N, C-alpha and C. Protein backbone atom coordinates (compact mmCIF):
# COMPACT_ATOMS: atom_id res chain seq x y z
N UNK A 1 22.32 95.08 98.49
CA UNK A 1 22.86 93.76 98.58
C UNK A 1 22.52 93.17 99.95
N UNK A 2 21.70 92.16 99.97
CA UNK A 2 21.27 91.54 101.22
C UNK A 2 22.23 90.41 101.60
N UNK A 3 22.45 90.27 102.88
CA UNK A 3 23.29 89.17 103.35
C UNK A 3 22.40 88.12 103.99
N UNK A 4 22.86 86.90 103.92
CA UNK A 4 22.08 85.80 104.49
C UNK A 4 22.18 85.83 106.01
N UNK A 5 21.07 85.82 106.65
CA UNK A 5 21.04 85.81 108.11
C UNK A 5 20.89 84.38 108.62
N UNK A 6 20.91 84.22 109.93
CA UNK A 6 20.81 82.88 110.50
C UNK A 6 19.50 82.17 110.16
N UNK A 7 18.45 82.95 109.92
CA UNK A 7 17.16 82.34 109.59
C UNK A 7 17.09 81.87 108.14
N UNK A 8 18.01 82.36 107.29
CA UNK A 8 18.01 81.99 105.89
C UNK A 8 18.69 80.64 105.66
N UNK A 9 19.44 80.16 106.65
CA UNK A 9 20.16 78.89 106.51
C UNK A 9 19.31 77.77 107.09
N UNK A 10 19.43 76.57 106.52
CA UNK A 10 18.69 75.45 107.10
C UNK A 10 19.21 75.12 108.49
N UNK A 11 18.33 74.76 109.38
CA UNK A 11 18.71 74.46 110.75
C UNK A 11 19.11 72.99 110.86
N UNK A 12 20.41 72.74 110.90
CA UNK A 12 20.93 71.39 111.05
C UNK A 12 21.41 71.13 112.46
N UNK A 13 21.23 72.08 113.37
CA UNK A 13 21.74 71.93 114.71
C UNK A 13 21.09 70.77 115.45
N UNK A 14 19.87 70.45 115.14
CA UNK A 14 19.19 69.34 115.80
C UNK A 14 19.85 68.02 115.43
N UNK A 15 20.41 67.96 114.24
CA UNK A 15 20.96 66.71 113.72
C UNK A 15 22.47 66.61 113.91
N UNK A 16 23.11 67.68 114.35
CA UNK A 16 24.56 67.65 114.54
C UNK A 16 24.88 67.08 115.90
N UNK A 17 25.85 66.16 115.94
CA UNK A 17 26.30 65.60 117.19
C UNK A 17 27.55 66.35 117.64
N UNK A 18 27.69 66.49 118.94
CA UNK A 18 28.87 67.14 119.48
C UNK A 18 30.04 66.18 119.38
N UNK A 19 31.11 66.63 118.79
CA UNK A 19 32.30 65.80 118.64
C UNK A 19 33.26 66.17 119.75
N UNK A 20 33.63 65.17 120.55
CA UNK A 20 34.57 65.42 121.63
C UNK A 20 35.98 65.40 121.07
N UNK A 21 36.80 66.37 121.44
CA UNK A 21 38.16 66.40 120.91
C UNK A 21 39.00 65.25 121.46
N UNK A 22 39.95 64.80 120.68
CA UNK A 22 40.88 63.74 121.11
C UNK A 22 41.83 64.29 122.15
N UNK A 23 42.21 65.54 121.98
CA UNK A 23 43.14 66.19 122.90
C UNK A 23 42.76 67.66 123.03
N UNK A 24 43.23 68.28 124.11
CA UNK A 24 42.95 69.70 124.29
C UNK A 24 44.18 70.40 124.84
N UNK A 25 44.27 71.68 124.59
CA UNK A 25 45.38 72.47 125.10
C UNK A 25 45.29 72.59 126.61
N UNK A 26 46.38 73.04 127.21
CA UNK A 26 46.48 73.12 128.67
C UNK A 26 45.35 73.93 129.30
N UNK A 27 45.01 75.13 128.81
CA UNK A 27 43.91 75.87 129.45
C UNK A 27 42.58 75.11 129.43
N UNK A 28 42.30 74.44 128.32
CA UNK A 28 41.07 73.65 128.23
C UNK A 28 41.08 72.47 129.17
N UNK A 29 42.23 71.81 129.29
CA UNK A 29 42.36 70.67 130.20
C UNK A 29 42.18 71.12 131.65
N UNK A 30 42.70 72.29 131.98
CA UNK A 30 42.53 72.84 133.33
C UNK A 30 41.07 73.10 133.62
N UNK A 31 40.35 73.69 132.67
CA UNK A 31 38.92 73.94 132.85
C UNK A 31 38.16 72.62 132.96
N UNK A 32 38.53 71.66 132.14
CA UNK A 32 37.86 70.36 132.13
C UNK A 32 37.95 69.68 133.49
N UNK A 33 39.12 69.76 134.14
CA UNK A 33 39.32 69.13 135.45
C UNK A 33 39.01 70.05 136.62
N UNK A 34 38.98 71.35 136.36
CA UNK A 34 38.75 72.30 137.44
C UNK A 34 39.98 72.48 138.31
N UNK A 35 41.16 72.40 137.71
CA UNK A 35 42.42 72.55 138.44
C UNK A 35 43.24 73.66 137.82
N UNK A 36 44.29 74.07 138.50
CA UNK A 36 45.17 75.11 138.00
C UNK A 36 46.22 74.57 137.05
N UNK A 37 46.85 75.48 136.35
CA UNK A 37 47.87 75.14 135.36
C UNK A 37 49.05 74.40 135.99
N UNK A 38 49.53 74.88 137.13
CA UNK A 38 50.69 74.24 137.75
C UNK A 38 50.36 72.82 138.21
N UNK A 39 49.14 72.61 138.72
CA UNK A 39 48.72 71.27 139.13
C UNK A 39 48.67 70.34 137.92
N UNK A 40 48.20 70.85 136.79
CA UNK A 40 48.16 70.04 135.57
C UNK A 40 49.56 69.61 135.17
N UNK A 41 50.52 70.55 135.22
CA UNK A 41 51.89 70.20 134.85
C UNK A 41 52.52 69.23 135.85
N UNK A 42 52.12 69.31 137.12
CA UNK A 42 52.61 68.33 138.10
C UNK A 42 52.10 66.94 137.73
N UNK A 43 50.82 66.84 137.37
CA UNK A 43 50.24 65.57 136.97
C UNK A 43 50.92 65.01 135.72
N UNK A 44 51.25 65.89 134.79
CA UNK A 44 51.97 65.47 133.59
C UNK A 44 53.37 64.96 133.98
N UNK A 45 54.04 65.70 134.85
CA UNK A 45 55.38 65.32 135.30
C UNK A 45 55.40 64.00 136.05
N UNK A 46 54.32 63.70 136.77
CA UNK A 46 54.22 62.45 137.52
C UNK A 46 53.80 61.28 136.63
N UNK A 47 53.52 61.58 135.38
CA UNK A 47 53.11 60.54 134.44
C UNK A 47 51.65 60.13 134.56
N UNK A 48 50.85 60.92 135.26
CA UNK A 48 49.44 60.59 135.44
C UNK A 48 48.57 61.03 134.27
N UNK A 49 49.10 61.93 133.44
CA UNK A 49 48.38 62.40 132.26
C UNK A 49 49.27 62.21 131.03
N UNK A 50 48.65 61.73 129.96
CA UNK A 50 49.36 61.60 128.70
C UNK A 50 49.21 62.90 127.91
N UNK A 51 50.26 63.27 127.23
CA UNK A 51 50.21 64.49 126.44
C UNK A 51 51.01 64.31 125.16
N UNK A 52 50.80 65.24 124.24
CA UNK A 52 51.50 65.25 122.96
C UNK A 52 52.02 66.66 122.75
N UNK A 53 53.22 66.77 122.23
CA UNK A 53 53.76 68.08 121.85
C UNK A 53 53.62 68.22 120.34
N UNK A 54 52.96 69.27 119.91
CA UNK A 54 52.87 69.61 118.50
C UNK A 54 53.42 71.02 118.35
N UNK A 55 54.64 71.10 117.88
CA UNK A 55 55.30 72.39 117.84
C UNK A 55 55.50 72.87 119.26
N UNK A 56 55.03 74.07 119.55
CA UNK A 56 55.16 74.60 120.91
C UNK A 56 53.91 74.31 121.75
N UNK A 57 52.90 73.69 121.15
CA UNK A 57 51.66 73.40 121.87
C UNK A 57 51.74 72.09 122.63
N UNK A 58 51.23 72.10 123.85
CA UNK A 58 51.09 70.88 124.64
C UNK A 58 49.63 70.50 124.61
N UNK A 59 49.34 69.31 124.11
CA UNK A 59 47.97 68.82 124.03
C UNK A 59 47.82 67.64 124.98
N UNK A 60 46.83 67.71 125.85
CA UNK A 60 46.57 66.66 126.82
C UNK A 60 45.46 65.78 126.26
N UNK A 61 45.67 64.47 126.27
CA UNK A 61 44.68 63.55 125.71
C UNK A 61 43.43 63.50 126.58
N UNK A 62 42.28 63.68 125.95
CA UNK A 62 41.00 63.71 126.65
C UNK A 62 40.76 62.39 127.39
N UNK A 63 41.10 61.28 126.76
CA UNK A 63 40.91 59.97 127.40
C UNK A 63 41.77 59.86 128.67
N UNK A 64 42.93 60.47 128.64
CA UNK A 64 43.80 60.48 129.81
C UNK A 64 43.18 61.28 130.96
N UNK A 65 42.53 62.39 130.62
CA UNK A 65 41.84 63.20 131.64
C UNK A 65 40.71 62.40 132.28
N UNK A 66 39.94 61.71 131.45
CA UNK A 66 38.84 60.89 131.96
C UNK A 66 39.36 59.75 132.84
N UNK A 67 40.44 59.12 132.41
CA UNK A 67 41.02 58.02 133.18
C UNK A 67 41.52 58.49 134.54
N UNK A 68 42.10 59.68 134.57
CA UNK A 68 42.59 60.22 135.83
C UNK A 68 41.43 60.42 136.81
N UNK A 69 40.36 61.02 136.33
CA UNK A 69 39.20 61.25 137.19
C UNK A 69 38.63 59.92 137.68
N UNK A 70 38.53 58.95 136.79
CA UNK A 70 37.98 57.65 137.17
C UNK A 70 38.87 56.95 138.19
N UNK A 71 40.19 57.07 138.05
CA UNK A 71 41.10 56.41 138.98
C UNK A 71 41.10 57.07 140.35
N UNK A 72 40.79 58.36 140.41
CA UNK A 72 40.77 59.09 141.68
C UNK A 72 39.38 59.10 142.31
N UNK A 73 38.42 58.57 141.61
CA UNK A 73 37.04 58.60 142.07
C UNK A 73 36.88 57.76 143.33
N UNK A 74 36.15 58.31 144.27
CA UNK A 74 35.88 57.62 145.53
C UNK A 74 34.41 57.22 145.53
N UNK A 75 34.17 55.95 145.76
CA UNK A 75 32.79 55.48 145.80
C UNK A 75 32.08 56.08 147.01
N UNK A 76 30.79 56.25 146.90
CA UNK A 76 30.00 56.88 147.96
C UNK A 76 30.15 56.13 149.28
N UNK A 77 30.08 54.80 149.25
CA UNK A 77 30.16 54.04 150.51
C UNK A 77 31.56 54.11 151.12
N UNK A 78 32.60 54.25 150.32
CA UNK A 78 33.96 54.43 150.85
C UNK A 78 34.08 55.78 151.55
N UNK A 79 33.48 56.80 150.97
CA UNK A 79 33.54 58.14 151.56
C UNK A 79 32.81 58.18 152.89
N UNK A 80 31.68 57.50 152.97
CA UNK A 80 30.91 57.46 154.22
C UNK A 80 31.67 56.70 155.31
N UNK A 81 32.35 55.62 154.93
CA UNK A 81 33.11 54.83 155.89
C UNK A 81 34.31 55.61 156.43
N UNK A 82 34.92 56.41 155.58
CA UNK A 82 36.12 57.16 156.02
C UNK A 82 35.75 58.29 156.96
N UNK A 83 34.51 58.78 156.91
CA UNK A 83 34.06 59.85 157.80
C UNK A 83 33.81 59.34 159.21
N UNK A 84 33.49 58.06 159.34
CA UNK A 84 33.15 57.49 160.67
C UNK A 84 34.35 57.29 161.53
């Protein structure tokens, strides 16, 4: 009895688009931002990140993560001026 291997299936990977999740769990959100778990919960507590509770899971909205980064972003010319 032979089993189908990866070469026996049609290759649709070229045509598949990566779907970005609407929300992610706390560990994924920490990796996404490059911060620790406690810092993430501080940001949630300060109202800087939107989240949803589904049962015992805390899901952080991906758009909220992006908005946080964009709001904290420092333009290159501002960073150069602050060094002087």
